[in-house]
């Protein structure tokens, strides 16, 4: 099977439009149309349904898309591996990091790594755990910070740290003098939380369901600075990792009466190729966490 045709096929599937795909591929639309017809003829299957201006995958097309992405990713990995055998390094680490870890844990690590390896480029993507796992599987990032729990079989990981999740309130809040909080007390308040897809939110949603409680999410945002501002102004309370609250003024962190701990890991694709830069960064993080 011609990998060039697979590349064309994936582009059309992602753009859902022949014109847009042709533009992204820098080829003429008629040539792209002929190429896809050729692929369908070779496979003796219809891969797309033409619906007005949209190109919609058939069931057969959806099956092929999964395999095509894996094949093209493996080819990219192989190309990179061969370049490195000739002494050409990738020179870039693409890292997915949730907001809290990116703000409070990784800046010092990243600067220390950059000081030691000044020629390597670091690209940091801010995203939730679910998005990070998907980006790893799709080859959009090389390494990602996530939880071990519910990690897909296609990913491997090393444990990074354990941090306690605590309730966070303003100095003026009625709970500010409490030594601990029950889940019932916490969920009785107006809450500001990350949107679904972040491991903090997933954990709270699970507890809420388990305890039969109703949460009042007055604010939902993935912007950590906004969460902190809302808590400090006493508009709502939140729950964050303890590592995020240790150096924040004007807030009080309160452990839950039933302590919550989250295990954070650094993950990568099991069958993916880690460049020298990726492997160097991985070892650096493990040695300096």
C-alpha atoms as a PDB file:
ATOM      1  CA  UNK A   1       0.000   0.000   0.000  1.00  0.00           C
ATOM      2  CA  UNK A   2       1.404   3.384  -1.025  1.00  0.00           C
ATOM      3  CA  UNK A   3       2.096   5.453   2.101  1.00  0.00           C
ATOM      4  CA  UNK A   4       1.630   8.623   0.060  1.00  0.00           C
ATOM      5  CA  UNK A   5      -1.984   7.584  -0.535  1.00  0.00           C
ATOM      6  CA  UNK A   6      -2.389   6.924   3.184  1.00  0.00           C
ATOM      7  CA  UNK A   7      -1.116  10.437   3.911  1.00  0.00           C
ATOM      8  CA  UNK A   8      -3.667  11.873   1.493  1.00  0.00           C
ATOM      9  CA  UNK A   9      -6.420   9.724   3.009  1.00  0.00           C
ATOM     10  CA  UNK A  10      -5.646  10.847   6.589  1.00  0.00           C
ATOM     11  CA  UNK A  11      -5.576  14.515   5.555  1.00  0.00           C
ATOM     12  CA  UNK A  12      -9.019  14.290   3.932  1.00  0.00           C
ATOM     13  CA  UNK A  13     -10.398  12.425   6.962  1.00  0.00           C
ATOM     14  CA  UNK A  14      -9.109  15.152   9.286  1.00  0.00           C
ATOM     15  CA  UNK A  15     -10.228  18.115   7.175  1.00  0.00           C
ATOM     16  CA  UNK A  16     -13.512  16.489   6.037  1.00  0.00           C
ATOM     17  CA  UNK A  17     -13.123  18.526   2.871  1.00  0.00           C
ATOM     18  CA  UNK A  18     -11.240  17.781  -0.350  1.00  0.00           C
ATOM     19  CA  UNK A  19     -10.340  21.426  -1.056  1.00  0.00           C
ATOM     20  CA  UNK A  20      -8.984  22.082   2.436  1.00  0.00           C
ATOM     21  CA  UNK A  21      -7.017  18.829   2.427  1.00  0.00           C
ATOM     22  CA  UNK A  22      -5.488  19.605  -0.964  1.00  0.00           C
ATOM     23  CA  UNK A  23      -4.445  23.044   0.285  1.00  0.00           C
ATOM     24  CA  UNK A  24      -2.825  21.528   3.400  1.00  0.00           C
ATOM     25  CA  UNK A  25      -1.003  18.950   1.274  1.00  0.00           C
ATOM     26  CA  UNK A  26       0.068  21.570  -1.301  1.00  0.00           C
ATOM     27  CA  UNK A  27      -1.302  19.586  -4.235  1.00  0.00           C
ATOM     28  CA  UNK A  28      -4.042  20.260  -6.766  1.00  0.00           C
ATOM     29  CA  UNK A  29      -7.533  19.150  -5.781  1.00  0.00           C
ATOM     30  CA  UNK A  30      -8.092  17.056  -8.967  1.00  0.00           C
ATOM     31  CA  UNK A  31      -4.848  15.173  -8.293  1.00  0.00           C
ATOM     32  CA  UNK A  32      -5.951  14.458  -4.730  1.00  0.00           C
ATOM     33  CA  UNK A  33      -9.350  13.238  -5.905  1.00  0.00           C
ATOM     34  CA  UNK A  34      -7.699  10.879  -8.409  1.00  0.00           C
ATOM     35  CA  UNK A  35      -5.339   9.566  -5.705  1.00  0.00           C
ATOM     36  CA  UNK A  36      -8.188   8.721  -3.318  1.00  0.00           C
ATOM     37  CA  UNK A  37     -10.125   7.012  -6.123  1.00  0.00           C
ATOM     38  CA  UNK A  38      -6.996   4.959  -6.771  1.00  0.00           C
ATOM     39  CA  UNK A  39      -6.780   3.939  -3.106  1.00  0.00           C
ATOM     40  CA  UNK A  40     -10.459   2.939  -3.037  1.00  0.00           C
ATOM     41  CA  UNK A  41      -9.966   0.920  -6.221  1.00  0.00           C
ATOM     42  CA  UNK A  42      -6.937  -0.873  -4.773  1.00  0.00           C
ATOM     43  CA  UNK A  43      -8.854  -1.767  -1.612  1.00  0.00           C
ATOM     44  CA  UNK A  44     -12.119  -2.435  -3.451  1.00  0.00           C
ATOM     45  CA  UNK A  45     -13.860  -0.429  -0.724  1.00  0.00           C
ATOM     46  CA  UNK A  46     -15.600   2.928  -0.472  1.00  0.00           C
ATOM     47  CA  UNK A  47     -13.770   5.027   2.119  1.00  0.00           C
ATOM     48  CA  UNK A  48     -15.818   8.239   2.002  1.00  0.00           C
ATOM     49  CA  UNK A  49     -19.405   9.297   1.558  1.00  0.00           C
ATOM     50  CA  UNK A  50     -19.713  12.546  -0.381  1.00  0.00           C
ATOM     51  CA  UNK A  51     -22.277  14.710   1.453  1.00  0.00           C
ATOM     52  CA  UNK A  52     -22.517  18.131  -0.246  1.00  0.00           C
ATOM     53  CA  UNK A  53     -19.121  19.699   0.545  1.00  0.00           C
ATOM     54  CA  UNK A  54     -18.227  17.257   3.315  1.00  0.00           C
ATOM     55  CA  UNK A  55     -16.239  14.046   3.035  1.00  0.00           C
ATOM     56  CA  UNK A  56     -17.596  11.647   5.647  1.00  0.00           C
ATOM     57  CA  UNK A  57     -15.787   8.418   6.513  1.00  0.00           C
ATOM     58  CA  UNK A  58     -17.608   5.171   5.908  1.00  0.00           C
ATOM     59  CA  UNK A  59     -17.235   2.369   8.463  1.00  0.00           C
ATOM     60  CA  UNK A  60     -14.479   0.929   6.279  1.00  0.00           C
ATOM     61  CA  UNK A  61     -12.801   4.335   6.192  1.00  0.00           C
ATOM     62  CA  UNK A  62     -12.883   4.626   9.990  1.00  0.00           C
ATOM     63  CA  UNK A  63     -11.186   1.231  10.324  1.00  0.00           C
ATOM     64  CA  UNK A  64      -8.492   2.227   7.832  1.00  0.00           C
ATOM     65  CA  UNK A  65      -7.938   5.592   9.546  1.00  0.00           C
ATOM     66  CA  UNK A  66      -6.854   3.912  12.793  1.00  0.00           C
ATOM     67  CA  UNK A  67      -4.295   1.764  10.976  1.00  0.00           C
ATOM     68  CA  UNK A  68      -3.152   4.557   8.660  1.00  0.00           C
ATOM     69  CA  UNK A  69      -2.309   6.874  11.573  1.00  0.00           C
ATOM     70  CA  UNK A  70      -0.298   4.138  13.274  1.00  0.00           C
ATOM     71  CA  UNK A  71       1.583   3.301  10.058  1.00  0.00           C
ATOM     72  CA  UNK A  72       2.470   6.937   9.342  1.00  0.00           C
ATOM     73  CA  UNK A  73       3.537   7.528  12.962  1.00  0.00           C
ATOM     74  CA  UNK A  74       5.799   4.461  12.827  1.00  0.00           C
ATOM     75  CA  UNK A  75       7.352   5.741   9.610  1.00  0.00           C
ATOM     76  CA  UNK A  76       8.062   9.089  11.282  1.00  0.00           C
ATOM     77  CA  UNK A  77       9.619   7.252  14.230  1.00  0.00           C
ATOM     78  CA  UNK A  78      11.763   5.150  11.900  1.00  0.00           C
ATOM     79  CA  UNK A  79      12.948   8.237  10.009  1.00  0.00           C
ATOM     80  CA  UNK A  80      13.925   9.930  13.270  1.00  0.00           C
ATOM     81  CA  UNK A  81      15.760   6.812  14.479  1.00  0.00           C
ATOM     82  CA  UNK A  82      17.770   6.620  11.247  1.00  0.00           C
ATOM     83  CA  UNK A  83      18.673  10.316  11.464  1.00  0.00           C
ATOM     84  CA  UNK A  84      19.984   9.819  14.985  1.00  0.00           C
ATOM     85  CA  UNK A  85      22.098   6.873  13.860  1.00  0.00           C
ATOM     86  CA  UNK A  86      23.762   9.350  11.493  1.00  0.00           C
ATOM     87  CA  UNK A  87      24.335  11.664  14.448  1.00  0.00           C
ATOM     88  CA  UNK A  88      21.403  14.027  13.757  1.00  0.00           C
ATOM     89  CA  UNK A  89      19.450  14.675  16.942  1.00  0.00           C
ATOM     90  CA  UNK A  90      15.856  15.728  17.021  1.00  0.00           C
ATOM     91  CA  UNK A  91      16.840  18.454  19.443  1.00  0.00           C
ATOM     92  CA  UNK A  92      13.296  18.991  20.740  1.00  0.00           C
ATOM     93  CA  UNK A  93      11.222  17.671  23.619  1.00  0.00           C
ATOM     94  CA  UNK A  94       7.450  18.052  23.245  1.00  0.00           C
ATOM     95  CA  UNK A  95       5.941  17.805  26.725  1.00  0.00           C
ATOM     96  CA  UNK A  96       2.283  17.868  27.777  1.00  0.00           C
ATOM     97  CA  UNK A  97       1.758  19.293  31.273  1.00  0.00           C
ATOM     98  CA  UNK A  98      -1.429  20.056  33.262  1.00  0.00           C
ATOM     99  CA  UNK A  99      -1.756  23.625  34.472  1.00  0.00           C
ATOM    100  CA  UNK A 100      -0.825  23.100  38.137  1.00  0.00           C
ATOM    101  CA  UNK A 101       2.270  21.047  37.360  1.00  0.00           C
ATOM    102  CA  UNK A 102       3.286  23.512  34.664  1.00  0.00           C
ATOM    103  CA  UNK A 103       2.954  26.466  37.026  1.00  0.00           C
ATOM    104  CA  UNK A 104       4.391  25.156  40.298  1.00  0.00           C
ATOM    105  CA  UNK A 105       6.530  22.097  39.608  1.00  0.00           C
ATOM    106  CA  UNK A 106       8.110  22.219  36.174  1.00  0.00           C
ATOM    107  CA  UNK A 107       9.523  25.765  35.738  1.00  0.00           C
ATOM    108  CA  UNK A 108      12.583  25.014  37.899  1.00  0.00           C
ATOM    109  CA  UNK A 109      13.039  21.592  36.293  1.00  0.00           C
ATOM    110  CA  UNK A 110      12.796  23.047  32.781  1.00  0.00           C
ATOM    111  CA  UNK A 111      15.264  25.851  33.491  1.00  0.00           C
ATOM    112  CA  UNK A 112      17.739  23.440  35.078  1.00  0.00           C
ATOM    113  CA  UNK A 113      17.469  21.122  32.066  1.00  0.00           C
ATOM    114  CA  UNK A 114      17.894  24.006  29.627  1.00  0.00           C
ATOM    115  CA  UNK A 115      20.965  25.206  31.528  1.00  0.00           C
ATOM    116  CA  UNK A 116      22.570  21.792  31.147  1.00  0.00           C
ATOM    117  CA  UNK A 117      21.453  21.223  27.538  1.00  0.00           C
ATOM    118  CA  UNK A 118      21.192  24.712  26.003  1.00  0.00           C
ATOM    119  CA  UNK A 119      20.910  23.462  22.396  1.00  0.00           C
ATOM    120  CA  UNK A 120      17.781  21.394  22.999  1.00  0.00           C
ATOM    121  CA  UNK A 121      14.377  22.964  22.405  1.00  0.00           C
ATOM    122  CA  UNK A 122      11.508  22.492  24.869  1.00  0.00           C
ATOM    123  CA  UNK A 123       7.912  22.775  23.651  1.00  0.00           C
ATOM    124  CA  UNK A 124       5.394  22.766  26.508  1.00  0.00           C
ATOM    125  CA  UNK A 125       1.690  22.096  25.895  1.00  0.00           C
ATOM    126  CA  UNK A 126      -0.818  22.943  28.649  1.00  0.00           C
ATOM    127  CA  UNK A 127      -3.643  20.384  28.727  1.00  0.00           C
ATOM    128  CA  UNK A 128      -5.674  18.091  30.965  1.00  0.00           C
ATOM    129  CA  UNK A 129      -4.781  14.450  31.634  1.00  0.00           C
ATOM    130  CA  UNK A 130      -7.253  13.045  29.084  1.00  0.00           C
ATOM    131  CA  UNK A 131      -6.037  15.390  26.346  1.00  0.00           C
ATOM    132  CA  UNK A 132      -2.410  14.612  27.166  1.00  0.00           C
ATOM    133  CA  UNK A 133      -3.032  10.876  26.855  1.00  0.00           C
ATOM    134  CA  UNK A 134      -4.730  11.359  23.493  1.00  0.00           C
ATOM    135  CA  UNK A 135      -1.917  13.590  22.220  1.00  0.00           C
ATOM    136  CA  UNK A 136       0.625  10.953  23.254  1.00  0.00           C
ATOM    137  CA  UNK A 137      -1.291   8.241  21.403  1.00  0.00           C
ATOM    138  CA  UNK A 138      -1.593  10.471  18.317  1.00  0.00           C
ATOM    139  CA  UNK A 139       2.119  11.326  18.368  1.00  0.00           C
ATOM    140  CA  UNK A 140       1.481  15.048  18.884  1.00  0.00           C
ATOM    141  CA  UNK A 141       3.713  15.107  21.986  1.00  0.00           C
ATOM    142  CA  UNK A 142       6.557  12.838  23.096  1.00  0.00           C
ATOM    143  CA  UNK A 143       6.139  12.884  26.880  1.00  0.00           C
ATOM    144  CA  UNK A 144       3.187  13.787  29.086  1.00  0.00           C
ATOM    145  CA  UNK A 145       2.417  14.342  32.749  1.00  0.00           C
ATOM    146  CA  UNK A 146      -0.632  12.359  33.818  1.00  0.00           C
ATOM    147  CA  UNK A 147      -2.002   9.922  36.389  1.00  0.00           C
ATOM    148  CA  UNK A 148      -1.210   6.210  36.431  1.00  0.00           C
ATOM    149  CA  UNK A 149      -4.880   5.434  37.056  1.00  0.00           C
ATOM    150  CA  UNK A 150      -6.748   4.443  33.866  1.00  0.00           C
ATOM    151  CA  UNK A 151      -3.596   4.771  31.769  1.00  0.00           C
ATOM    152  CA  UNK A 152      -4.200   3.248  28.293  1.00  0.00           C
ATOM    153  CA  UNK A 153      -2.354  -0.009  27.570  1.00  0.00           C
ATOM    154  CA  UNK A 154      -0.517   1.683  24.694  1.00  0.00           C
ATOM    155  CA  UNK A 155       1.267   4.030  27.123  1.00  0.00           C
ATOM    156  CA  UNK A 156       4.116   3.359  29.538  1.00  0.00           C
ATOM    157  CA  UNK A 157       5.025   5.526  32.518  1.00  0.00           C
ATOM    158  CA  UNK A 158       7.344   6.201  35.447  1.00  0.00           C
ATOM    159  CA  UNK A 159       6.102   7.480  38.798  1.00  0.00           C
ATOM    160  CA  UNK A 160       7.052  11.099  39.384  1.00  0.00           C
ATOM    161  CA  UNK A 161       5.525  12.246  42.648  1.00  0.00           C
ATOM    162  CA  UNK A 162       2.603  11.924  45.056  1.00  0.00           C
ATOM    163  CA  UNK A 163       0.753  15.037  46.180  1.00  0.00           C
ATOM    164  CA  UNK A 164      -2.187  15.510  48.502  1.00  0.00           C
ATOM    165  CA  UNK A 165      -5.340  17.159  47.216  1.00  0.00           C
ATOM    166  CA  UNK A 166      -6.600  19.811  49.636  1.00  0.00           C
ATOM    167  CA  UNK A 167      -9.524  22.189  49.845  1.00  0.00           C
ATOM    168  CA  UNK A 168      -8.531  25.807  49.146  1.00  0.00           C
ATOM    169  CA  UNK A 169     -10.379  28.765  50.680  1.00  0.00           C
ATOM    170  CA  UNK A 170      -9.736  32.465  51.264  1.00  0.00           C
ATOM    171  CA  UNK A 171      -8.495  33.860  54.573  1.00  0.00           C
ATOM    172  CA  UNK A 172     -11.982  35.323  55.078  1.00  0.00           C
ATOM    173  CA  UNK A 173     -13.929  32.133  54.465  1.00  0.00           C
ATOM    174  CA  UNK A 174     -15.899  30.497  57.293  1.00  0.00           C
ATOM    175  CA  UNK A 175     -13.826  27.320  56.861  1.00  0.00           C
ATOM    176  CA  UNK A 176     -10.445  29.086  57.154  1.00  0.00           C
ATOM    177  CA  UNK A 177      -9.906  27.996  60.791  1.00  0.00           C
ATOM    178  CA  UNK A 178     -10.846  24.355  60.220  1.00  0.00           C
ATOM    179  CA  UNK A 179      -8.195  21.647  60.549  1.00  0.00           C
ATOM    180  CA  UNK A 180      -9.966  19.348  58.074  1.00  0.00           C
ATOM    181  CA  UNK A 181     -13.086  19.240  55.903  1.00  0.00           C
ATOM    182  CA  UNK A 182     -15.574  16.489  55.219  1.00  0.00           C
ATOM    183  CA  UNK A 183     -16.649  15.908  51.640  1.00  0.00           C
ATOM    184  CA  UNK A 184     -20.163  16.966  52.642  1.00  0.00           C
ATOM    185  CA  UNK A 185     -18.878  20.312  53.939  1.00  0.00           C
ATOM    186  CA  UNK A 186     -16.785  20.879  50.830  1.00  0.00           C
ATOM    187  CA  UNK A 187     -19.555  20.137  48.333  1.00  0.00           C
ATOM    188  CA  UNK A 188     -22.024  22.314  50.259  1.00  0.00           C
ATOM    189  CA  UNK A 189     -20.109  25.392  49.033  1.00  0.00           C
ATOM    190  CA  UNK A 190     -19.966  27.210  45.725  1.00  0.00           C
ATOM    191  CA  UNK A 191     -17.026  25.728  43.822  1.00  0.00           C
ATOM    192  CA  UNK A 192     -14.576  26.908  41.179  1.00  0.00           C
ATOM    193  CA  UNK A 193     -12.931  23.975  39.423  1.00  0.00           C
ATOM    194  CA  UNK A 194     -11.077  22.868  36.344  1.00  0.00           C
ATOM    195  CA  UNK A 195     -13.250  21.587  33.515  1.00  0.00           C
ATOM    196  CA  UNK A 196     -13.707  17.870  32.988  1.00  0.00           C
ATOM    197  CA  UNK A 197     -10.623  16.144  31.611  1.00  0.00           C
ATOM    198  CA  UNK A 198      -8.246  17.331  34.368  1.00  0.00           C
ATOM    199  CA  UNK A 199      -7.367  14.762  37.018  1.00  0.00           C
ATOM    200  CA  UNK A 200      -8.358  17.078  39.887  1.00  0.00           C
ATOM    201  CA  UNK A 201     -11.868  17.389  38.465  1.00  0.00           C
ATOM    202  CA  UNK A 202     -12.107  13.657  37.674  1.00  0.00           C
ATOM    203  CA  UNK A 203     -11.251  12.821  41.284  1.00  0.00           C
ATOM    204  CA  UNK A 204     -13.831  15.224  42.710  1.00  0.00           C
ATOM    205  CA  UNK A 205     -16.531  14.004  40.318  1.00  0.00           C
ATOM    206  CA  UNK A 206     -15.829  10.409  41.415  1.00  0.00           C
ATOM    207  CA  UNK A 207     -16.024  11.327  45.117  1.00  0.00           C
ATOM    208  CA  UNK A 208     -19.222  13.294  44.570  1.00  0.00           C
ATOM    209  CA  UNK A 209     -20.853  10.301  42.877  1.00  0.00           C
ATOM    210  CA  UNK A 210     -19.529   7.845  45.437  1.00  0.00           C
ATOM    211  CA  UNK A 211     -20.816   9.900  48.376  1.00  0.00           C
ATOM    212  CA  UNK A 212     -24.154  10.703  46.725  1.00  0.00           C
ATOM    213  CA  UNK A 213     -23.520  14.452  46.921  1.00  0.00           C
ATOM    214  CA  UNK A 214     -24.458  17.273  44.557  1.00  0.00           C
ATOM    215  CA  UNK A 215     -21.731  19.692  43.506  1.00  0.00           C
ATOM    216  CA  UNK A 216     -22.401  23.368  42.833  1.00  0.00           C
ATOM    217  CA  UNK A 217     -19.814  24.330  40.220  1.00  0.00           C
ATOM    218  CA  UNK A 218     -20.338  28.096  40.035  1.00  0.00           C
ATOM    219  CA  UNK A 219     -17.185  28.582  37.936  1.00  0.00           C
ATOM    220  CA  UNK A 220     -15.438  26.233  35.535  1.00  0.00           C
ATOM    221  CA  UNK A 221     -12.126  27.219  33.945  1.00  0.00           C
ATOM    222  CA  UNK A 222      -8.813  25.687  32.940  1.00  0.00           C
ATOM    223  CA  UNK A 223      -7.000  28.913  33.845  1.00  0.00           C
ATOM    224  CA  UNK A 224      -5.250  28.380  37.176  1.00  0.00           C
ATOM    225  CA  UNK A 225      -4.729  32.106  37.732  1.00  0.00           C
ATOM    226  CA  UNK A 226      -8.485  32.658  37.452  1.00  0.00           C
ATOM    227  CA  UNK A 227      -9.190  29.878  39.978  1.00  0.00           C
ATOM    228  CA  UNK A 228      -6.746  31.423  42.445  1.00  0.00           C
ATOM    229  CA  UNK A 229      -8.205  34.915  42.003  1.00  0.00           C
ATOM    230  CA  UNK A 230     -11.780  33.692  42.574  1.00  0.00           C
ATOM    231  CA  UNK A 231     -10.751  31.808  45.726  1.00  0.00           C
ATOM    232  CA  UNK A 232      -8.760  34.750  47.111  1.00  0.00           C
ATOM    233  CA  UNK A 233     -11.727  37.086  46.522  1.00  0.00           C
ATOM    234  CA  UNK A 234     -13.910  34.589  48.430  1.00  0.00           C
ATOM    235  CA  UNK A 235     -16.361  34.055  45.557  1.00  0.00           C
ATOM    236  CA  UNK A 236     -15.932  30.271  45.757  1.00  0.00           C
ATOM    237  CA  UNK A 237     -13.653  27.542  47.098  1.00  0.00           C
ATOM    238  CA  UNK A 238     -11.686  24.923  45.209  1.00  0.00           C
ATOM    239  CA  UNK A 239      -9.534  21.801  45.592  1.00  0.00           C
ATOM    240  CA  UNK A 240      -5.975  21.704  44.305  1.00  0.00           C
ATOM    241  CA  UNK A 241      -2.784  19.750  44.770  1.00  0.00           C
ATOM    242  CA  UNK A 242      -0.900  20.788  47.893  1.00  0.00           C
ATOM    243  CA  UNK A 243       2.191  21.608  45.830  1.00  0.00           C
ATOM    244  CA  UNK A 244       0.172  24.446  44.247  1.00  0.00           C
ATOM    245  CA  UNK A 245      -0.887  26.028  47.533  1.00  0.00           C
ATOM    246  CA  UNK A 246       2.338  25.978  49.540  1.00  0.00           C
ATOM    247  CA  UNK A 247       3.628  29.337  48.303  1.00  0.00           C
ATOM    248  CA  UNK A 248       0.360  31.133  47.540  1.00  0.00           C
ATOM    249  CA  UNK A 249      -0.504  34.050  49.872  1.00  0.00           C
ATOM    250  CA  UNK A 250      -4.055  34.969  50.932  1.00  0.00           C
ATOM    251  CA  UNK A 251      -5.382  31.401  50.751  1.00  0.00           C
ATOM    252  CA  UNK A 252      -5.747  28.598  53.262  1.00  0.00           C
ATOM    253  CA  UNK A 253      -5.349  24.945  52.351  1.00  0.00           C
ATOM    254  CA  UNK A 254      -7.321  22.412  54.376  1.00  0.00           C
ATOM    255  CA  UNK A 255      -6.875  18.633  54.104  1.00  0.00           C
ATOM    256  CA  UNK A 256      -9.946  16.469  53.741  1.00  0.00           C
ATOM    257  CA  UNK A 257     -10.925  14.302  56.729  1.00  0.00           C
ATOM    258  CA  UNK A 258     -10.447  11.353  54.374  1.00  0.00           C
ATOM    259  CA  UNK A 259      -7.112  12.311  52.760  1.00  0.00           C
ATOM    260  CA  UNK A 260      -6.873  12.301  48.951  1.00  0.00           C
ATOM    261  CA  UNK A 261      -3.540  11.563  47.296  1.00  0.00           C
ATOM    262  CA  UNK A 262      -2.838  11.686  43.579  1.00  0.00           C
ATOM    263  CA  UNK A 263       0.063   9.800  41.994  1.00  0.00           C
ATOM    264  CA  UNK A 264       1.543  11.774  39.111  1.00  0.00           C
ATOM    265  CA  UNK A 265       3.570  10.077  36.381  1.00  0.00           C
ATOM    266  CA  UNK A 266       5.458  10.938  33.219  1.00  0.00           C
ATOM    267  CA  UNK A 267       4.193   8.851  30.290  1.00  0.00           C
ATOM    268  CA  UNK A 268       5.130   7.997  26.698  1.00  0.00           C
ATOM    269  CA  UNK A 269       3.985   5.664  23.904  1.00  0.00           C
ATOM    270  CA  UNK A 270       5.150   2.077  24.492  1.00  0.00           C
ATOM    271  CA  UNK A 271       5.811   1.441  20.821  1.00  0.00           C
ATOM    272  CA  UNK A 272       6.834   4.977  19.975  1.00  0.00           C
ATOM    273  CA  UNK A 273      10.380   6.142  19.369  1.00  0.00           C
ATOM    274  CA  UNK A 274      11.905   8.389  22.018  1.00  0.00           C
ATOM    275  CA  UNK A 275      14.641  10.594  20.594  1.00  0.00           C
ATOM    276  CA  UNK A 276      17.904  11.246  22.384  1.00  0.00           C
ATOM    277  CA  UNK A 277      16.464  14.547  23.570  1.00  0.00           C
ATOM    278  CA  UNK A 278      13.360  12.806  24.947  1.00  0.00           C
ATOM    279  CA  UNK A 279      15.380  10.098  26.721  1.00  0.00           C
ATOM    280  CA  UNK A 280      17.763  12.675  28.158  1.00  0.00           C
ATOM    281  CA  UNK A 281      14.879  14.774  29.485  1.00  0.00           C
ATOM    282  CA  UNK A 282      13.128  11.715  30.924  1.00  0.00           C
ATOM    283  CA  UNK A 283      16.239  10.665  32.849  1.00  0.00           C
ATOM    284  CA  UNK A 284      16.838  14.245  34.001  1.00  0.00           C
ATOM    285  CA  UNK A 285      13.306  14.558  35.416  1.00  0.00           C
ATOM    286  CA  UNK A 286      13.543  11.176  37.179  1.00  0.00           C
ATOM    287  CA  UNK A 287      16.839  12.155  38.789  1.00  0.00           C
ATOM    288  CA  UNK A 288      15.738  15.646  39.828  1.00  0.00           C
ATOM    289  CA  UNK A 289      12.143  15.266  41.036  1.00  0.00           C
END
